[in-house]
Amino acid sequence: MAIDLTIEWIGVGAPSYARRFRRAAVIPTFAPVLKEIAVLAIAPAIEKNFAAGGRPKWAPLAEETIKSKMRKGFQSPGRILVASGAMLESATNPGNYVITNDSIIAEPGVPYWSYHQTGTSKMPQRVLMNLQVADQRKIGGLFDRFILAHLAKHGLGPRGVHTSVVGGGF
């Protein structure tokens, strides 16, 4: 699933900043900052989602699911979305994300994760890949630093302008 984010230019001079940025085309790839975002914002956000039992909270486990996990010997049968730990480990490993010039695609290495992310007719949706406002701000800050460094390198860096990340679902 691809991250659904929109970058907006906010602040004094933002329209001219955005125009100069597009016109200059000084950034051929966003891959370096997207790798940073994966490591410093997305993976930690997903880890926090698991630790908190969802942000917002996930639907509780069915009693039968807890009993089944106990029979199978899982260490934390009441912990939501964690049985063997494979999905948690996979979803929080940026090495499992596909990073291109302009996108991050989260591809946890377990085949069943998307059923939890979207829900099914027999299982409630438990969004494990969900960015909070603080995560969005962190991503915006990483973009700011990256973009402004590139613009400054080409003598195009305005002052008082920053990016804002809108959205946050995967």
N, C-alpha and C. Protein backbone atom coordinates (compact mmCIF):
# COMPACT_ATOMS: atom_id res chain seq x y z
N MET A 1 0.85 -1.17 0.00
CA MET A 1 0.00 0.00 0.00
C MET A 1 0.89 1.23 0.00
N ALA A 2 0.55 2.20 -0.77
CA ALA A 2 1.33 3.44 -0.82
C ALA A 2 0.85 4.39 0.26
N ILE A 3 1.74 5.20 0.74
CA ILE A 3 1.38 6.22 1.71
C ILE A 3 0.62 7.30 0.97
N ASP A 4 -0.47 7.74 1.54
CA ASP A 4 -1.30 8.78 0.92
C ASP A 4 -1.02 10.09 1.63
N LEU A 5 -0.07 10.86 1.14
CA LEU A 5 0.29 12.14 1.72
C LEU A 5 0.23 13.22 0.66
N THR A 6 -0.14 14.40 1.08
CA THR A 6 -0.11 15.56 0.20
C THR A 6 0.81 16.58 0.84
N ILE A 7 1.72 17.13 0.07
CA ILE A 7 2.63 18.15 0.58
C ILE A 7 2.11 19.51 0.13
N GLU A 8 1.94 20.41 1.11
CA GLU A 8 1.50 21.76 0.81
C GLU A 8 2.59 22.74 1.23
N TRP A 9 2.71 23.84 0.54
CA TRP A 9 3.66 24.89 0.89
C TRP A 9 2.91 25.92 1.71
N ILE A 10 3.40 26.24 2.91
CA ILE A 10 2.71 27.15 3.82
C ILE A 10 3.68 28.24 4.27
N GLY A 11 3.21 29.47 4.36
CA GLY A 11 4.01 30.55 4.92
C GLY A 11 4.17 31.71 3.96
N VAL A 12 4.86 32.73 4.43
CA VAL A 12 5.11 33.92 3.64
C VAL A 12 5.90 33.52 2.40
N GLY A 13 5.44 33.91 1.27
CA GLY A 13 6.16 33.60 0.03
C GLY A 13 5.94 32.19 -0.48
N ALA A 14 5.02 31.44 0.13
CA ALA A 14 4.82 30.04 -0.26
C ALA A 14 4.49 29.87 -1.74
N PRO A 15 3.60 30.70 -2.33
CA PRO A 15 3.30 30.49 -3.76
C PRO A 15 4.54 30.63 -4.64
N SER A 16 5.38 31.64 -4.37
CA SER A 16 6.56 31.79 -5.21
C SER A 16 7.56 30.67 -4.93
N TYR A 17 7.60 30.21 -3.70
CA TYR A 17 8.48 29.09 -3.32
C TYR A 17 8.09 27.85 -4.13
N ALA A 18 6.81 27.55 -4.16
CA ALA A 18 6.34 26.38 -4.89
C ALA A 18 6.63 26.53 -6.39
N ARG A 19 6.39 27.74 -6.94
CA ARG A 19 6.68 27.97 -8.36
C ARG A 19 8.16 27.80 -8.66
N ARG A 20 9.01 28.41 -7.83
CA ARG A 20 10.45 28.30 -8.06
C ARG A 20 10.91 26.85 -7.94
N PHE A 21 10.34 26.17 -6.98
CA PHE A 21 10.72 24.78 -6.77
C PHE A 21 10.39 23.94 -8.01
N ARG A 22 9.17 24.12 -8.54
CA ARG A 22 8.77 23.35 -9.73
C ARG A 22 9.60 23.75 -10.94
N ARG A 23 9.79 25.06 -11.11
CA ARG A 23 10.52 25.58 -12.27
C ARG A 23 11.98 25.13 -12.24
N ALA A 24 12.59 25.17 -11.06
CA ALA A 24 14.01 24.85 -10.95
C ALA A 24 14.27 23.36 -11.17
N ALA A 25 13.32 22.53 -10.79
CA ALA A 25 13.48 21.07 -10.92
C ALA A 25 14.85 20.63 -10.45
N VAL A 26 15.24 21.13 -9.28
CA VAL A 26 16.57 20.84 -8.77
C VAL A 26 16.62 19.54 -7.95
N ILE A 27 15.48 18.93 -7.74
CA ILE A 27 15.47 17.70 -6.96
C ILE A 27 14.98 16.57 -7.85
N PRO A 28 15.90 15.82 -8.42
CA PRO A 28 15.51 14.75 -9.33
C PRO A 28 14.88 13.55 -8.63
N THR A 29 15.17 13.40 -7.32
CA THR A 29 14.62 12.27 -6.58
C THR A 29 14.41 12.66 -5.12
N PHE A 30 13.35 12.15 -4.57
CA PHE A 30 13.09 12.32 -3.14
C PHE A 30 13.49 11.08 -2.35
N ALA A 31 14.09 10.09 -3.02
CA ALA A 31 14.43 8.83 -2.36
C ALA A 31 15.25 9.02 -1.08
N PRO A 32 16.25 9.91 -1.04
CA PRO A 32 17.01 10.05 0.21
C PRO A 32 16.15 10.48 1.40
N VAL A 33 15.27 11.45 1.19
CA VAL A 33 14.43 11.89 2.31
C VAL A 33 13.34 10.87 2.60
N LEU A 34 12.88 10.17 1.60
CA LEU A 34 11.88 9.13 1.83
C LEU A 34 12.46 7.99 2.67
N LYS A 35 13.73 7.66 2.45
CA LYS A 35 14.39 6.65 3.30
C LYS A 35 14.45 7.13 4.74
N GLU A 36 14.80 8.41 4.93
CA GLU A 36 14.81 8.99 6.28
C GLU A 36 13.44 8.92 6.91
N ILE A 37 12.43 9.27 6.15
CA ILE A 37 11.06 9.26 6.65
C ILE A 37 10.65 7.85 7.07
N ALA A 38 11.03 6.86 6.27
CA ALA A 38 10.70 5.48 6.61
C ALA A 38 11.31 5.09 7.95
N VAL A 39 12.59 5.44 8.13
CA VAL A 39 13.32 5.04 9.34
C VAL A 39 12.93 5.89 10.55
N LEU A 40 12.81 7.20 10.37
CA LEU A 40 12.64 8.11 11.50
C LEU A 40 11.19 8.44 11.84
N ALA A 41 10.26 8.19 10.93
CA ALA A 41 8.86 8.55 11.20
C ALA A 41 7.89 7.38 11.04
N ILE A 42 7.94 6.70 9.91
CA ILE A 42 6.91 5.68 9.64
C ILE A 42 7.09 4.43 10.50
N ALA A 43 8.26 3.83 10.49
CA ALA A 43 8.47 2.62 11.29
C ALA A 43 8.21 2.88 12.78
N PRO A 44 8.73 3.99 13.35
CA PRO A 44 8.42 4.25 14.76
C PRO A 44 6.93 4.48 15.02
N ALA A 45 6.22 5.11 14.08
CA ALA A 45 4.78 5.34 14.24
C ALA A 45 4.03 4.01 14.29
N ILE A 46 4.41 3.10 13.41
CA ILE A 46 3.75 1.79 13.39
C ILE A 46 4.06 1.04 14.69
N GLU A 47 5.29 1.13 15.15
CA GLU A 47 5.66 0.48 16.41
C GLU A 47 4.82 1.04 17.57
N LYS A 48 4.62 2.36 17.59
CA LYS A 48 3.78 2.97 18.63
C LYS A 48 2.33 2.49 18.51
N ASN A 49 1.86 2.32 17.28
CA ASN A 49 0.49 1.82 17.09
C ASN A 49 0.33 0.44 17.71
N PHE A 50 1.30 -0.42 17.49
CA PHE A 50 1.26 -1.77 18.08
C PHE A 50 1.33 -1.69 19.61
N ALA A 51 2.25 -0.89 20.13
CA ALA A 51 2.45 -0.78 21.57
C ALA A 51 1.19 -0.27 22.28
N ALA A 52 0.47 0.65 21.63
CA ALA A 52 -0.73 1.25 22.22
C ALA A 52 -1.99 0.43 21.96
N GLY A 53 -1.89 -0.62 21.16
CA GLY A 53 -3.09 -1.36 20.79
C GLY A 53 -3.96 -0.57 19.84
N GLY A 54 -3.28 0.23 19.00
CA GLY A 54 -3.97 1.05 18.01
C GLY A 54 -4.07 2.49 18.46
N ARG A 55 -3.96 3.37 17.49
CA ARG A 55 -4.14 4.82 17.71
C ARG A 55 -4.98 5.34 16.56
N PRO A 56 -6.31 5.35 16.68
CA PRO A 56 -7.14 5.06 17.85
C PRO A 56 -7.17 3.56 18.16
N LYS A 57 -7.67 3.24 19.36
CA LYS A 57 -7.66 1.87 19.86
C LYS A 57 -8.34 0.91 18.88
N TRP A 58 -7.72 -0.27 18.74
CA TRP A 58 -8.30 -1.31 17.91
C TRP A 58 -9.44 -2.01 18.63
N ALA A 59 -10.31 -2.64 17.87
CA ALA A 59 -11.39 -3.44 18.44
C ALA A 59 -10.77 -4.57 19.26
N PRO A 60 -11.38 -4.91 20.39
CA PRO A 60 -10.82 -5.98 21.21
C PRO A 60 -10.88 -7.32 20.48
N LEU A 61 -10.04 -8.23 20.93
CA LEU A 61 -10.03 -9.57 20.35
C LEU A 61 -11.26 -10.33 20.79
N ALA A 62 -11.74 -11.19 19.92
CA ALA A 62 -12.84 -12.08 20.28
C ALA A 62 -12.31 -13.09 21.31
N GLU A 63 -13.17 -13.51 22.20
CA GLU A 63 -12.78 -14.47 23.24
C GLU A 63 -12.20 -15.74 22.60
N GLU A 64 -12.79 -16.19 21.52
CA GLU A 64 -12.29 -17.39 20.84
C GLU A 64 -10.88 -17.19 20.30
N THR A 65 -10.56 -15.98 19.83
CA THR A 65 -9.22 -15.69 19.34
C THR A 65 -8.20 -15.80 20.48
N ILE A 66 -8.55 -15.27 21.63
CA ILE A 66 -7.65 -15.35 22.79
C ILE A 66 -7.45 -16.81 23.19
N LYS A 67 -8.52 -17.59 23.24
CA LYS A 67 -8.42 -19.01 23.60
C LYS A 67 -7.56 -19.76 22.59
N SER A 68 -7.74 -19.46 21.31
CA SER A 68 -6.94 -20.10 20.26
C SER A 68 -5.45 -19.77 20.42
N LYS A 69 -5.15 -18.52 20.72
CA LYS A 69 -3.75 -18.11 20.91
C LYS A 69 -3.15 -18.80 22.14
N MET A 70 -3.97 -18.99 23.17
CA MET A 70 -3.49 -19.69 24.37
C MET A 70 -3.19 -21.15 24.05
N ARG A 71 -4.09 -21.80 23.32
CA ARG A 71 -3.87 -23.20 22.95
C ARG A 71 -2.61 -23.38 22.12
N LYS A 72 -2.31 -22.37 21.30
CA LYS A 72 -1.12 -22.43 20.44
C LYS A 72 0.14 -22.04 21.18
N GLY A 73 0.01 -21.59 22.43
CA GLY A 73 1.18 -21.27 23.25
C GLY A 73 1.80 -19.90 23.02
N PHE A 74 1.04 -18.98 22.46
CA PHE A 74 1.59 -17.63 22.27
C PHE A 74 1.76 -16.95 23.61
N GLN A 75 2.85 -16.18 23.74
CA GLN A 75 3.22 -15.58 25.02
C GLN A 75 2.22 -14.53 25.51
N SER A 76 1.66 -13.76 24.63
CA SER A 76 0.72 -12.69 25.01
C SER A 76 -0.58 -12.88 24.27
N PRO A 77 -1.40 -13.86 24.68
CA PRO A 77 -2.61 -14.17 23.92
C PRO A 77 -3.62 -13.03 23.83
N GLY A 78 -3.58 -12.09 24.75
CA GLY A 78 -4.52 -10.98 24.71
C GLY A 78 -4.03 -9.79 23.93
N ARG A 79 -2.78 -9.83 23.48
CA ARG A 79 -2.22 -8.70 22.75
C ARG A 79 -2.75 -8.69 21.32
N ILE A 80 -3.35 -7.59 20.93
CA ILE A 80 -3.99 -7.48 19.62
C ILE A 80 -2.95 -7.36 18.51
N LEU A 81 -3.14 -8.12 17.44
CA LEU A 81 -2.30 -8.15 16.24
C LEU A 81 -0.89 -8.68 16.49
N VAL A 82 -0.67 -9.27 17.65
CA VAL A 82 0.65 -9.87 17.91
C VAL A 82 0.43 -11.30 18.38
N ALA A 83 0.85 -12.23 17.56
CA ALA A 83 0.83 -13.64 17.94
C ALA A 83 2.29 -14.10 17.97
N SER A 84 2.84 -14.34 16.80
CA SER A 84 4.25 -14.75 16.72
C SER A 84 5.19 -13.55 16.74
N GLY A 85 4.67 -12.37 16.42
CA GLY A 85 5.49 -11.16 16.32
C GLY A 85 5.98 -10.88 14.91
N ALA A 86 5.65 -11.79 13.97
CA ALA A 86 6.14 -11.65 12.60
C ALA A 86 5.59 -10.38 11.93
N MET A 87 4.30 -10.09 12.14
CA MET A 87 3.72 -8.92 11.49
C MET A 87 4.29 -7.63 12.08
N LEU A 88 4.43 -7.57 13.39
CA LEU A 88 5.02 -6.40 14.04
C LEU A 88 6.44 -6.17 13.54
N GLU A 89 7.23 -7.22 13.54
CA GLU A 89 8.62 -7.12 13.08
C GLU A 89 8.70 -6.69 11.62
N SER A 90 7.84 -7.26 10.80
CA SER A 90 7.86 -6.96 9.38
C SER A 90 7.38 -5.54 9.08
N ALA A 91 6.30 -5.12 9.75
CA ALA A 91 5.73 -3.80 9.48
C ALA A 91 6.61 -2.66 9.97
N THR A 92 7.45 -2.92 10.95
CA THR A 92 8.32 -1.87 11.50
C THR A 92 9.74 -1.93 10.95
N ASN A 93 9.95 -2.75 9.96
CA ASN A 93 11.27 -2.87 9.33
C ASN A 93 11.27 -2.09 8.02
N PRO A 94 11.93 -0.90 8.00
CA PRO A 94 11.95 -0.11 6.76
C PRO A 94 12.56 -0.85 5.58
N GLY A 95 13.31 -1.90 5.83
CA GLY A 95 13.86 -2.71 4.75
C GLY A 95 12.77 -3.41 3.95
N ASN A 96 11.57 -3.49 4.52
CA ASN A 96 10.43 -4.09 3.81
C ASN A 96 9.63 -3.08 3.01
N TYR A 97 10.01 -1.81 3.06
CA TYR A 97 9.31 -0.78 2.30
C TYR A 97 10.01 -0.60 0.97
N VAL A 98 9.23 -0.41 -0.07
CA VAL A 98 9.78 -0.12 -1.39
C VAL A 98 9.83 1.41 -1.52
N ILE A 99 11.03 1.94 -1.70
CA ILE A 99 11.20 3.39 -1.81
C ILE A 99 11.65 3.71 -3.22
N THR A 100 10.86 4.56 -3.88
CA THR A 100 11.18 4.97 -5.25
C THR A 100 11.59 6.44 -5.21
N ASN A 101 11.70 7.06 -6.36
CA ASN A 101 12.05 8.48 -6.41
C ASN A 101 11.02 9.38 -5.75
N ASP A 102 9.77 8.93 -5.71
CA ASP A 102 8.73 9.81 -5.18
C ASP A 102 7.67 9.10 -4.34
N SER A 103 7.96 7.91 -3.85
CA SER A 103 6.96 7.23 -3.03
C SER A 103 7.60 6.22 -2.07
N ILE A 104 6.82 5.91 -1.06
CA ILE A 104 7.15 4.82 -0.14
C ILE A 104 5.97 3.86 -0.20
N ILE A 105 6.25 2.62 -0.46
CA ILE A 105 5.21 1.60 -0.48
C ILE A 105 5.53 0.62 0.64
N ALA A 106 4.61 0.52 1.59
CA ALA A 106 4.81 -0.40 2.71
C ALA A 106 4.36 -1.78 2.28
N GLU A 107 5.29 -2.71 2.35
CA GLU A 107 4.98 -4.08 1.97
C GLU A 107 5.48 -5.04 3.05
N PRO A 108 4.79 -5.07 4.20
CA PRO A 108 5.21 -6.01 5.22
C PRO A 108 5.23 -7.42 4.66
N GLY A 109 6.19 -8.19 5.10
CA GLY A 109 6.44 -9.50 4.52
C GLY A 109 5.55 -10.63 5.01
N VAL A 110 4.40 -10.30 5.54
CA VAL A 110 3.45 -11.36 5.92
C VAL A 110 2.20 -11.18 5.06
N PRO A 111 1.68 -12.28 4.52
CA PRO A 111 0.59 -12.16 3.56
C PRO A 111 -0.74 -11.70 4.15
N TYR A 112 -0.91 -11.79 5.46
CA TYR A 112 -2.20 -11.50 6.08
C TYR A 112 -2.34 -10.08 6.63
N TRP A 113 -1.28 -9.28 6.57
CA TRP A 113 -1.35 -7.97 7.21
C TRP A 113 -2.42 -7.07 6.61
N SER A 114 -2.62 -7.15 5.29
CA SER A 114 -3.59 -6.25 4.65
C SER A 114 -5.02 -6.55 5.11
N TYR A 115 -5.31 -7.78 5.52
CA TYR A 115 -6.64 -8.10 6.02
C TYR A 115 -6.92 -7.34 7.32
N HIS A 116 -5.89 -7.21 8.15
CA HIS A 116 -6.03 -6.45 9.39
C HIS A 116 -6.17 -4.96 9.07
N GLN A 117 -5.36 -4.49 8.13
CA GLN A 117 -5.35 -3.07 7.77
C GLN A 117 -6.71 -2.61 7.23
N THR A 118 -7.33 -3.46 6.42
CA THR A 118 -8.59 -3.07 5.78
C THR A 118 -9.82 -3.70 6.43
N GLY A 119 -9.64 -4.77 7.18
CA GLY A 119 -10.76 -5.50 7.76
C GLY A 119 -11.39 -6.42 6.74
N THR A 120 -12.19 -7.37 7.22
CA THR A 120 -12.92 -8.30 6.35
C THR A 120 -14.33 -8.42 6.91
N SER A 121 -15.13 -9.23 6.25
CA SER A 121 -16.50 -9.43 6.74
C SER A 121 -16.51 -10.16 8.09
N LYS A 122 -15.42 -10.88 8.41
CA LYS A 122 -15.36 -11.63 9.66
C LYS A 122 -14.36 -11.07 10.66
N MET A 123 -13.69 -9.99 10.29
CA MET A 123 -12.64 -9.43 11.16
C MET A 123 -12.71 -7.91 11.10
N PRO A 124 -12.71 -7.27 12.29
CA PRO A 124 -12.77 -5.80 12.27
C PRO A 124 -11.48 -5.20 11.72
N GLN A 125 -11.62 -4.03 11.16
CA GLN A 125 -10.45 -3.30 10.67
C GLN A 125 -9.62 -2.84 11.87
N ARG A 126 -8.33 -3.10 11.80
CA ARG A 126 -7.38 -2.62 12.81
C ARG A 126 -6.23 -1.99 12.04
N VAL A 127 -6.28 -0.70 11.91
CA VAL A 127 -5.32 0.02 11.08
C VAL A 127 -3.98 0.10 11.80
N LEU A 128 -3.04 -0.74 11.35
CA LEU A 128 -1.73 -0.74 11.98
C LEU A 128 -0.83 0.32 11.39
N MET A 129 -1.08 0.71 10.16
CA MET A 129 -0.28 1.74 9.50
C MET A 129 -1.10 3.02 9.46
N ASN A 130 -0.97 3.79 10.52
CA ASN A 130 -1.75 5.02 10.67
C ASN A 130 -0.84 6.08 11.28
N LEU A 131 -0.69 7.19 10.59
CA LEU A 131 0.17 8.27 11.08
C LEU A 131 -0.64 9.26 11.89
N GLN A 132 -0.11 9.64 13.03
CA GLN A 132 -0.73 10.64 13.90
C GLN A 132 -0.24 12.03 13.47
N VAL A 133 -0.85 13.07 14.02
CA VAL A 133 -0.48 14.44 13.68
C VAL A 133 1.01 14.68 13.95
N ALA A 134 1.51 14.19 15.08
CA ALA A 134 2.94 14.36 15.41
C ALA A 134 3.83 13.69 14.37
N ASP A 135 3.40 12.54 13.87
CA ASP A 135 4.16 11.84 12.83
C ASP A 135 4.17 12.65 11.54
N GLN A 136 3.02 13.23 11.21
CA GLN A 136 2.91 14.06 10.01
C GLN A 136 3.82 15.28 10.12
N ARG A 137 3.86 15.87 11.31
CA ARG A 137 4.75 17.02 11.51
C ARG A 137 6.21 16.63 11.35
N LYS A 138 6.55 15.47 11.87
CA LYS A 138 7.93 15.00 11.75
C LYS A 138 8.30 14.82 10.28
N ILE A 139 7.40 14.24 9.52
CA ILE A 139 7.62 14.05 8.08
C ILE A 139 7.78 15.41 7.41
N GLY A 140 6.91 16.36 7.75
CA GLY A 140 7.02 17.70 7.19
C GLY A 140 8.36 18.34 7.49
N GLY A 141 8.85 18.16 8.73
CA GLY A 141 10.15 18.70 9.11
C GLY A 141 11.29 18.07 8.33
N LEU A 142 11.21 16.77 8.10
CA LEU A 142 12.25 16.10 7.31
C LEU A 142 12.23 16.60 5.87
N PHE A 143 11.02 16.79 5.31
CA PHE A 143 10.92 17.36 3.96
C PHE A 143 11.48 18.77 3.93
N ASP A 144 11.10 19.57 4.94
CA ASP A 144 11.62 20.95 5.00
C ASP A 144 13.13 20.97 4.87
N ARG A 145 13.77 20.23 5.75
CA ARG A 145 15.24 20.22 5.78
C ARG A 145 15.82 19.79 4.44
N PHE A 146 15.26 18.74 3.87
CA PHE A 146 15.76 18.20 2.61
C PHE A 146 15.57 19.20 1.47
N ILE A 147 14.36 19.72 1.35
CA ILE A 147 14.04 20.63 0.24
C ILE A 147 14.82 21.94 0.37
N LEU A 148 14.82 22.51 1.56
CA LEU A 148 15.53 23.77 1.74
C LEU A 148 17.02 23.63 1.48
N ALA A 149 17.60 22.50 1.86
CA ALA A 149 19.03 22.27 1.59
C ALA A 149 19.28 22.24 0.09
N HIS A 150 18.41 21.57 -0.65
CA HIS A 150 18.58 21.51 -2.11
C HIS A 150 18.35 22.87 -2.77
N LEU A 151 17.33 23.59 -2.31
CA LEU A 151 17.08 24.90 -2.89
C LEU A 151 18.22 25.87 -2.58
N ALA A 152 18.71 25.83 -1.35
CA ALA A 152 19.82 26.70 -0.96
C ALA A 152 21.07 26.40 -1.80
N LYS A 153 21.27 25.13 -2.07
CA LYS A 153 22.41 24.71 -2.89
C LYS A 153 22.37 25.37 -4.26
N HIS A 154 21.18 25.68 -4.73
CA HIS A 154 21.00 26.29 -6.04
C HIS A 154 20.60 27.76 -5.94
N GLY A 155 20.77 28.35 -4.75
CA GLY A 155 20.47 29.76 -4.56
C GLY A 155 19.00 30.09 -4.64
N LEU A 156 18.13 29.15 -4.35
CA LEU A 156 16.69 29.37 -4.49
C LEU A 156 15.95 29.32 -3.15
N GLY A 157 16.64 29.17 -2.05
CA GLY A 157 15.98 28.94 -0.76
C GLY A 157 15.32 30.16 -0.16
N PRO A 158 13.99 30.16 -0.06
CA PRO A 158 13.27 31.25 0.60
C PRO A 158 13.30 31.08 2.11
N ARG A 159 12.93 32.12 2.81
CA ARG A 159 12.85 32.05 4.27
C ARG A 159 11.39 32.08 4.70
N GLY A 160 11.12 31.47 5.85
CA GLY A 160 9.78 31.51 6.41
C GLY A 160 8.76 30.64 5.71
N VAL A 161 9.21 29.64 4.98
CA VAL A 161 8.30 28.75 4.29
C VAL A 161 8.56 27.34 4.77
N HIS A 162 7.51 26.57 4.97
CA HIS A 162 7.69 25.19 5.37
C HIS A 162 6.63 24.32 4.70
N THR A 163 6.87 23.03 4.77
CA THR A 163 5.93 22.08 4.18
C THR A 163 4.97 21.61 5.26
N SER A 164 3.82 21.17 4.85
CA SER A 164 2.84 20.60 5.75
C SER A 164 2.38 19.29 5.14
N VAL A 165 2.36 18.23 5.95
CA VAL A 165 1.91 16.94 5.47
C VAL A 165 0.44 16.79 5.82
N VAL A 166 -0.38 16.52 4.84
CA VAL A 166 -1.81 16.37 5.04
C VAL A 166 -2.18 14.93 4.78
N GLY A 167 -2.97 14.35 5.61
CA GLY A 167 -3.34 12.96 5.46
C GLY A 167 -2.48 12.11 6.35
N GLY A 168 -2.44 10.85 6.14
CA GLY A 168 -1.62 10.02 6.98
C GLY A 168 -2.01 8.57 6.95
N GLY A 169 -3.00 8.22 6.19
CA GLY A 169 -3.35 6.83 6.07
C GLY A 169 -2.49 6.16 5.01
N PHE A 170 -2.38 4.89 5.09
CA PHE A 170 -1.61 4.15 4.09
C PHE A 170 -2.59 3.51 3.15
